[in-house]
Amino acid sequence: MKKILVPAMLALLLFTAGCDKPPAEEPPPKPPETPAQTKPDVKPETKPEQKPAPDTPTKKPENQPVKNEKTEQSMNVKVYYPDDSGMKLVEVEREIIVDDSVDKYTAAVETLMEEPTEENLTRIFPKNAAIRSVTVRDGLATVDFDGSILKGFVGGSTGEEFLIGSIVDTLTNFPEVKRVKFLVDGNEIETLSGHMDLSTPLERMNTLTQ
């Protein structure tokens, strides 16, 4: 009997000792988590995306003169002055300047209005004479005098012949010119001073250069 009671009492003592042991302390509840105070998210400024400009075809510069700038070209031409004895026309070479406002035909005729530098040659144009225009089309050069030439020209038959001949032979030196017609103020004329028939175009006057 004693053998049975001893173990029972030991078990009871262990049980009561376990019941008297204070319960393990539970850890205090954690305070509710509060979001950390952080600065408000500031998004970095983003520049608008720049789309690449569409490729635009570029035109190649053309070989054309710039506006408001004259393109000058010099060239040598043969012109004809009367000799000082009034016997023939003499061929001389002159340099002319051609640009956007003066073509080679006009420049060549206007050279005849200048005093020749050669001692044995003379100018046949009246001092107040002027050329309104010189045009060339289909082998025909048309010289339009200003009306002042009718008032200023005082030469006789030889003077008229050399004046007209110097212009005709100068212009027909250009291979594309075959004949020359004369006008005054845009109107057809029959003669300058009554000695030469100018109602029809004239061909080269070779007899004056021999």
C-alpha atoms as a PDB file:
ATOM      1  CA  MET A   1       0.000   0.000   0.000  1.00  0.00           C
ATOM      2  CA  LYS A   2       2.799   2.348   0.920  1.00  0.00           C
ATOM      3  CA  LYS A   3       4.477   1.610  -2.391  1.00  0.00           C
ATOM      4  CA  ILE A   4       1.351   2.826  -4.175  1.00  0.00           C
ATOM      5  CA  LEU A   5       0.904   6.003  -2.129  1.00  0.00           C
ATOM      6  CA  VAL A   6       4.419   7.259  -2.476  1.00  0.00           C
ATOM      7  CA  PRO A   7       4.374   7.648  -6.228  1.00  0.00           C
ATOM      8  CA  ALA A   8       0.887   9.116  -6.072  1.00  0.00           C
ATOM      9  CA  MET A   9       1.965  11.720  -3.588  1.00  0.00           C
ATOM     10  CA  LEU A  10       4.978  12.626  -5.694  1.00  0.00           C
ATOM     11  CA  ALA A  11       2.795  13.093  -8.712  1.00  0.00           C
ATOM     12  CA  LEU A  12       0.406  15.271  -6.724  1.00  0.00           C
ATOM     13  CA  LEU A  13       3.241  17.407  -5.447  1.00  0.00           C
ATOM     14  CA  LEU A  14       4.569  17.881  -8.966  1.00  0.00           C
ATOM     15  CA  PHE A  15       1.114  18.789 -10.201  1.00  0.00           C
ATOM     16  CA  THR A  16       0.514  21.311  -7.473  1.00  0.00           C
ATOM     17  CA  ALA A  17       3.977  22.792  -8.023  1.00  0.00           C
ATOM     18  CA  GLY A  18       3.181  23.211 -11.672  1.00  0.00           C
ATOM     19  CA  CYS A  19      -0.121  24.879 -10.880  1.00  0.00           C
ATOM     20  CA  ASP A  20       1.462  27.332  -8.442  1.00  0.00           C
ATOM     21  CA  LYS A  21       4.033  28.438 -11.067  1.00  0.00           C
ATOM     22  CA  PRO A  22       2.982  31.830 -12.395  1.00  0.00           C
ATOM     23  CA  PRO A  23       2.156  31.823 -16.047  1.00  0.00           C
ATOM     24  CA  ALA A  24       4.791  33.094 -18.401  1.00  0.00           C
ATOM     25  CA  GLU A  25       4.405  36.764 -19.052  1.00  0.00           C
ATOM     26  CA  GLU A  26       3.237  37.537 -22.510  1.00  0.00           C
ATOM     27  CA  PRO A  27       5.134  40.300 -24.284  1.00  0.00           C
ATOM     28  CA  PRO A  28       3.275  43.628 -24.241  1.00  0.00           C
ATOM     29  CA  PRO A  29       1.289  44.241 -27.371  1.00  0.00           C
ATOM     30  CA  LYS A  30       3.132  46.162 -29.978  1.00  0.00           C
ATOM     31  CA  PRO A  31       1.770  49.637 -30.649  1.00  0.00           C
ATOM     32  CA  PRO A  32      -0.008  49.922 -33.931  1.00  0.00           C
ATOM     33  CA  GLU A  33       2.398  50.564 -36.640  1.00  0.00           C
ATOM     34  CA  THR A  34       2.167  54.098 -37.945  1.00  0.00           C
ATOM     35  CA  PRO A  35       3.507  54.924 -41.330  1.00  0.00           C
ATOM     36  CA  ALA A  36       6.874  56.573 -41.131  1.00  0.00           C
ATOM     37  CA  GLN A  37       6.707  60.275 -41.664  1.00  0.00           C
ATOM     38  CA  THR A  38       8.286  60.709 -44.983  1.00  0.00           C
ATOM     39  CA  LYS A  39       8.335  63.564 -47.345  1.00  0.00           C
ATOM     40  CA  PRO A  40       5.660  63.409 -49.991  1.00  0.00           C
ATOM     41  CA  ASP A  41       6.847  61.731 -53.080  1.00  0.00           C
ATOM     42  CA  VAL A  42       7.889  64.432 -55.505  1.00  0.00           C
ATOM     43  CA  LYS A  43       8.142  63.208 -58.984  1.00  0.00           C
ATOM     44  CA  PRO A  44      11.099  64.659 -60.844  1.00  0.00           C
ATOM     45  CA  GLU A  45      10.127  67.086 -63.547  1.00  0.00           C
ATOM     46  CA  THR A  46      10.142  65.401 -66.865  1.00  0.00           C
ATOM     47  CA  LYS A  47      10.530  67.458 -70.002  1.00  0.00           C
ATOM     48  CA  PRO A  48       8.083  66.686 -72.742  1.00  0.00           C
ATOM     49  CA  GLU A  49       9.543  64.219 -75.087  1.00  0.00           C
ATOM     50  CA  GLN A  50      10.850  65.993 -78.125  1.00  0.00           C
ATOM     51  CA  LYS A  51      10.043  64.142 -81.225  1.00  0.00           C
ATOM     52  CA  PRO A  52      12.748  64.317 -83.837  1.00  0.00           C
ATOM     53  CA  ALA A  53      11.893  66.725 -86.594  1.00  0.00           C
ATOM     54  CA  PRO A  54      10.822  64.919 -89.700  1.00  0.00           C
ATOM     55  CA  ASP A  55      13.448  64.774 -92.333  1.00  0.00           C
ATOM     56  CA  THR A  56      12.665  67.400 -94.899  1.00  0.00           C
ATOM     57  CA  PRO A  57      14.337  67.107 -98.261  1.00  0.00           C
ATOM     58  CA  THR A  58      16.737  69.909 -98.882  1.00  0.00           C
ATOM     59  CA  LYS A  59      17.020  71.326-102.337  1.00  0.00           C
ATOM     60  CA  LYS A  60      20.442  71.610-103.769  1.00  0.00           C
ATOM     61  CA  PRO A  61      21.362  75.159-104.598  1.00  0.00           C
ATOM     62  CA  GLU A  62      20.926  75.773-108.256  1.00  0.00           C
ATOM     63  CA  ASN A  63      23.443  77.634-110.290  1.00  0.00           C
ATOM     64  CA  GLN A  64      21.409  80.752-110.636  1.00  0.00           C
ATOM     65  CA  PRO A  65      22.421  84.332-110.012  1.00  0.00           C
ATOM     66  CA  VAL A  66      21.493  85.770-106.663  1.00  0.00           C
ATOM     67  CA  LYS A  67      18.732  88.316-106.760  1.00  0.00           C
ATOM     68  CA  ASN A  68      19.788  91.940-106.731  1.00  0.00           C
ATOM     69  CA  GLU A  69      23.332  90.923-107.675  1.00  0.00           C
ATOM     70  CA  LYS A  70      24.498  91.391-111.236  1.00  0.00           C
ATOM     71  CA  THR A  71      26.442  88.625-112.893  1.00  0.00           C
ATOM     72  CA  GLU A  72      29.033  90.207-115.135  1.00  0.00           C
ATOM     73  CA  GLN A  73      30.926  88.613-117.969  1.00  0.00           C
ATOM     74  CA  SER A  74      33.558  90.158-120.162  1.00  0.00           C
ATOM     75  CA  MET A  75      34.063  89.202-123.760  1.00  0.00           C
ATOM     76  CA  ASN A  76      35.961  90.491-126.778  1.00  0.00           C
ATOM     77  CA  VAL A  77      34.081  91.588-129.883  1.00  0.00           C
ATOM     78  CA  LYS A  78      34.994  93.146-133.198  1.00  0.00           C
ATOM     79  CA  VAL A  79      33.517  96.549-133.974  1.00  0.00           C
ATOM     80  CA  TYR A  80      33.917  98.931-136.913  1.00  0.00           C
ATOM     81  CA  TYR A  81      34.880 102.612-136.925  1.00  0.00           C
ATOM     82  CA  PRO A  82      35.298 104.828-139.986  1.00  0.00           C
ATOM     83  CA  ASP A  83      38.814 105.968-140.651  1.00  0.00           C
ATOM     84  CA  ASP A  84      39.460 109.687-140.347  1.00  0.00           C
ATOM     85  CA  SER A  85      39.654 110.092-144.117  1.00  0.00           C
ATOM     86  CA  GLY A  86      36.101 108.770-144.566  1.00  0.00           C
ATOM     87  CA  MET A  87      37.218 106.086-147.008  1.00  0.00           C
ATOM     88  CA  LYS A  88      36.451 102.810-145.226  1.00  0.00           C
ATOM     89  CA  LEU A  89      35.454 101.053-142.012  1.00  0.00           C
ATOM     90  CA  VAL A  90      38.264  99.640-139.897  1.00  0.00           C
ATOM     91  CA  GLU A  91      37.857  96.571-137.718  1.00  0.00           C
ATOM     92  CA  VAL A  92      39.116  96.834-134.124  1.00  0.00           C
ATOM     93  CA  GLU A  93      38.734  94.581-131.115  1.00  0.00           C
ATOM     94  CA  ARG A  94      37.044  95.801-127.960  1.00  0.00           C
ATOM     95  CA  GLU A  95      36.298  94.250-124.593  1.00  0.00           C
ATOM     96  CA  ILE A  96      32.675  94.586-123.533  1.00  0.00           C
ATOM     97  CA  ILE A  97      30.956  93.831-120.229  1.00  0.00           C
ATOM     98  CA  VAL A  98      27.727  91.856-120.358  1.00  0.00           C
ATOM     99  CA  ASP A  99      25.436  91.582-117.342  1.00  0.00           C
ATOM    100  CA  ASP A 100      21.766  91.078-116.478  1.00  0.00           C
ATOM    101  CA  SER A 101      20.811  94.481-117.863  1.00  0.00           C
ATOM    102  CA  VAL A 102      23.008  94.709-120.991  1.00  0.00           C
ATOM    103  CA  ASP A 103      23.274  91.950-123.574  1.00  0.00           C
ATOM    104  CA  LYS A 104      26.233  91.519-125.900  1.00  0.00           C
ATOM    105  CA  TYR A 105      24.475  93.051-128.922  1.00  0.00           C
ATOM    106  CA  THR A 106      23.565  96.262-127.120  1.00  0.00           C
ATOM    107  CA  ALA A 107      27.004  96.465-125.497  1.00  0.00           C
ATOM    108  CA  ALA A 108      28.703  96.088-128.882  1.00  0.00           C
ATOM    109  CA  VAL A 109      26.642  98.856-130.514  1.00  0.00           C
ATOM    110  CA  GLU A 110      27.097 101.171-127.531  1.00  0.00           C
ATOM    111  CA  THR A 111      30.874 100.734-127.908  1.00  0.00           C
ATOM    112  CA  LEU A 112      30.577 102.532-131.248  1.00  0.00           C
ATOM    113  CA  MET A 113      29.353 105.624-129.362  1.00  0.00           C
ATOM    114  CA  GLU A 114      32.698 105.916-127.579  1.00  0.00           C
ATOM    115  CA  GLU A 115      35.628 107.823-128.990  1.00  0.00           C
ATOM    116  CA  PRO A 116      38.112 105.355-130.521  1.00  0.00           C
ATOM    117  CA  THR A 117      41.568 105.284-128.940  1.00  0.00           C
ATOM    118  CA  GLU A 118      43.249 104.740-132.301  1.00  0.00           C
ATOM    119  CA  GLU A 119      44.524 107.967-133.897  1.00  0.00           C
ATOM    120  CA  ASN A 120      43.388 107.183-137.436  1.00  0.00           C
ATOM    121  CA  LEU A 121      39.782 106.361-136.503  1.00  0.00           C
ATOM    122  CA  THR A 122      36.813 108.584-135.730  1.00  0.00           C
ATOM    123  CA  ARG A 123      33.457 108.296-134.078  1.00  0.00           C
ATOM    124  CA  ILE A 124      30.476 108.548-136.409  1.00  0.00           C
ATOM    125  CA  PHE A 125      27.627 108.569-133.856  1.00  0.00           C
ATOM    126  CA  PRO A 126      26.153 111.980-133.012  1.00  0.00           C
ATOM    127  CA  LYS A 127      26.940 112.992-129.429  1.00  0.00           C
ATOM    128  CA  ASN A 128      23.278 113.119-128.415  1.00  0.00           C
ATOM    129  CA  ALA A 129      22.392 109.789-130.068  1.00  0.00           C
ATOM    130  CA  ALA A 130      21.015 106.993-127.913  1.00  0.00           C
ATOM    131  CA  ILE A 131      19.991 103.382-128.446  1.00  0.00           C
ATOM    132  CA  ARG A 132      16.682 102.287-126.951  1.00  0.00           C
ATOM    133  CA  SER A 133      17.235  98.582-127.550  1.00  0.00           C
ATOM    134  CA  VAL A 134      18.908  95.934-129.677  1.00  0.00           C
ATOM    135  CA  THR A 135      17.075  92.646-130.076  1.00  0.00           C
ATOM    136  CA  VAL A 136      17.936  89.541-132.074  1.00  0.00           C
ATOM    137  CA  ARG A 137      15.448  86.961-133.287  1.00  0.00           C
ATOM    138  CA  ASP A 138      15.589  84.391-136.077  1.00  0.00           C
ATOM    139  CA  GLY A 139      18.789  85.886-137.489  1.00  0.00           C
ATOM    140  CA  LEU A 140      17.373  89.442-137.560  1.00  0.00           C
ATOM    141  CA  ALA A 141      18.842  92.140-135.305  1.00  0.00           C
ATOM    142  CA  THR A 142      16.563  95.116-134.714  1.00  0.00           C
ATOM    143  CA  VAL A 143      18.192  98.374-133.615  1.00  0.00           C
ATOM    144  CA  ASP A 144      15.811 100.908-132.123  1.00  0.00           C
ATOM    145  CA  PHE A 145      17.243 104.449-132.039  1.00  0.00           C
ATOM    146  CA  ASP A 146      16.031 107.175-129.748  1.00  0.00           C
ATOM    147  CA  GLY A 147      14.325 109.955-131.730  1.00  0.00           C
ATOM    148  CA  SER A 148      17.169 112.338-130.903  1.00  0.00           C
ATOM    149  CA  ILE A 149      19.292 110.763-133.630  1.00  0.00           C
ATOM    150  CA  LEU A 150      17.102 112.347-136.315  1.00  0.00           C
ATOM    151  CA  LYS A 151      17.723 115.784-134.869  1.00  0.00           C
ATOM    152  CA  GLY A 152      21.412 115.358-134.141  1.00  0.00           C
ATOM    153  CA  PHE A 153      22.592 113.653-137.287  1.00  0.00           C
ATOM    154  CA  VAL A 154      24.071 116.186-139.710  1.00  0.00           C
ATOM    155  CA  GLY A 155      26.191 113.897-141.895  1.00  0.00           C
ATOM    156  CA  GLY A 156      25.691 113.658-145.605  1.00  0.00           C
ATOM    157  CA  SER A 157      25.397 110.512-147.679  1.00  0.00           C
ATOM    158  CA  THR A 158      28.850 109.267-146.629  1.00  0.00           C
ATOM    159  CA  GLY A 159      28.153 109.918-142.950  1.00  0.00           C
ATOM    160  CA  GLU A 160      24.855 108.069-143.089  1.00  0.00           C
ATOM    161  CA  GLU A 161      26.400 105.160-144.941  1.00  0.00           C
ATOM    162  CA  PHE A 162      29.267 104.801-142.443  1.00  0.00           C
ATOM    163  CA  LEU A 163      26.981 105.107-139.418  1.00  0.00           C
ATOM    164  CA  ILE A 164      24.626 102.402-140.684  1.00  0.00           C
ATOM    165  CA  GLY A 165      27.511 100.301-142.020  1.00  0.00           C
ATOM    166  CA  SER A 166      29.413 100.370-138.715  1.00  0.00           C
ATOM    167  CA  ILE A 167      26.358  99.013-136.881  1.00  0.00           C
ATOM    168  CA  VAL A 168      25.469  96.401-139.517  1.00  0.00           C
ATOM    169  CA  ASP A 169      29.005  95.029-139.783  1.00  0.00           C
ATOM    170  CA  THR A 170      29.461  95.008-135.988  1.00  0.00           C
ATOM    171  CA  LEU A 171      26.256  93.035-135.392  1.00  0.00           C
ATOM    172  CA  THR A 172      26.732  90.610-138.284  1.00  0.00           C
ATOM    173  CA  ASN A 173      30.058  89.622-136.771  1.00  0.00           C
ATOM    174  CA  PHE A 174      27.936  87.549-134.412  1.00  0.00           C
ATOM    175  CA  PRO A 175      27.304  84.361-136.415  1.00  0.00           C
ATOM    176  CA  GLU A 176      23.641  84.204-135.410  1.00  0.00           C
ATOM    177  CA  VAL A 177      22.923  87.653-136.923  1.00  0.00           C
ATOM    178  CA  LYS A 178      22.359  87.730-140.692  1.00  0.00           C
ATOM    179  CA  ARG A 179      20.466  91.003-141.212  1.00  0.00           C
ATOM    180  CA  VAL A 180      19.852  94.278-139.368  1.00  0.00           C
ATOM    181  CA  LYS A 181      16.711  96.416-139.290  1.00  0.00           C
ATOM    182  CA  PHE A 182      16.481  99.985-137.969  1.00  0.00           C
ATOM    183  CA  LEU A 183      13.684 101.686-136.031  1.00  0.00           C
ATOM    184  CA  VAL A 184      13.290 105.089-134.395  1.00  0.00           C
ATOM    185  CA  ASP A 185      11.249 105.223-131.189  1.00  0.00           C
ATOM    186  CA  GLY A 186       9.846 101.811-132.059  1.00  0.00           C
ATOM    187  CA  ASN A 187       8.623 102.892-135.500  1.00  0.00           C
ATOM    188  CA  GLU A 188       9.875 101.807-138.908  1.00  0.00           C
ATOM    189  CA  ILE A 189      11.772 104.410-140.878  1.00  0.00           C
ATOM    190  CA  GLU A 190      12.693 104.806-144.527  1.00  0.00           C
ATOM    191  CA  THR A 191      15.940 106.704-143.998  1.00  0.00           C
ATOM    192  CA  LEU A 192      17.958 108.722-141.476  1.00  0.00           C
ATOM    193  CA  SER A 193      18.862 111.716-143.602  1.00  0.00           C
ATOM    194  CA  GLY A 194      17.444 110.824-146.995  1.00  0.00           C
ATOM    195  CA  HIS A 195      20.408 108.948-148.479  1.00  0.00           C
ATOM    196  CA  MET A 196      19.993 105.271-147.536  1.00  0.00           C
ATOM    197  CA  ASP A 197      16.927 103.087-147.835  1.00  0.00           C
ATOM    198  CA  LEU A 198      16.279 101.651-144.356  1.00  0.00           C
ATOM    199  CA  SER A 199      12.765 100.350-145.044  1.00  0.00           C
ATOM    200  CA  THR A 200      14.076  96.780-145.378  1.00  0.00           C
ATOM    201  CA  PRO A 201      16.675  94.866-143.342  1.00  0.00           C
ATOM    202  CA  LEU A 202      20.298  95.206-144.462  1.00  0.00           C
ATOM    203  CA  GLU A 203      22.890  92.466-144.862  1.00  0.00           C
ATOM    204  CA  ARG A 204      26.590  92.812-144.121  1.00  0.00           C
ATOM    205  CA  MET A 205      28.189  95.742-145.966  1.00  0.00           C
ATOM    206  CA  ASN A 206      31.546  94.249-146.880  1.00  0.00           C
ATOM    207  CA  THR A 207      32.302  96.925-149.461  1.00  0.00           C
ATOM    208  CA  LEU A 208      32.903  99.465-146.705  1.00  0.00           C
ATOM    209  CA  THR A 209      35.738  97.446-145.159  1.00  0.00           C
ATOM    210  CA  GLN A 210      37.757  96.895-148.348  1.00  0.00           C
END
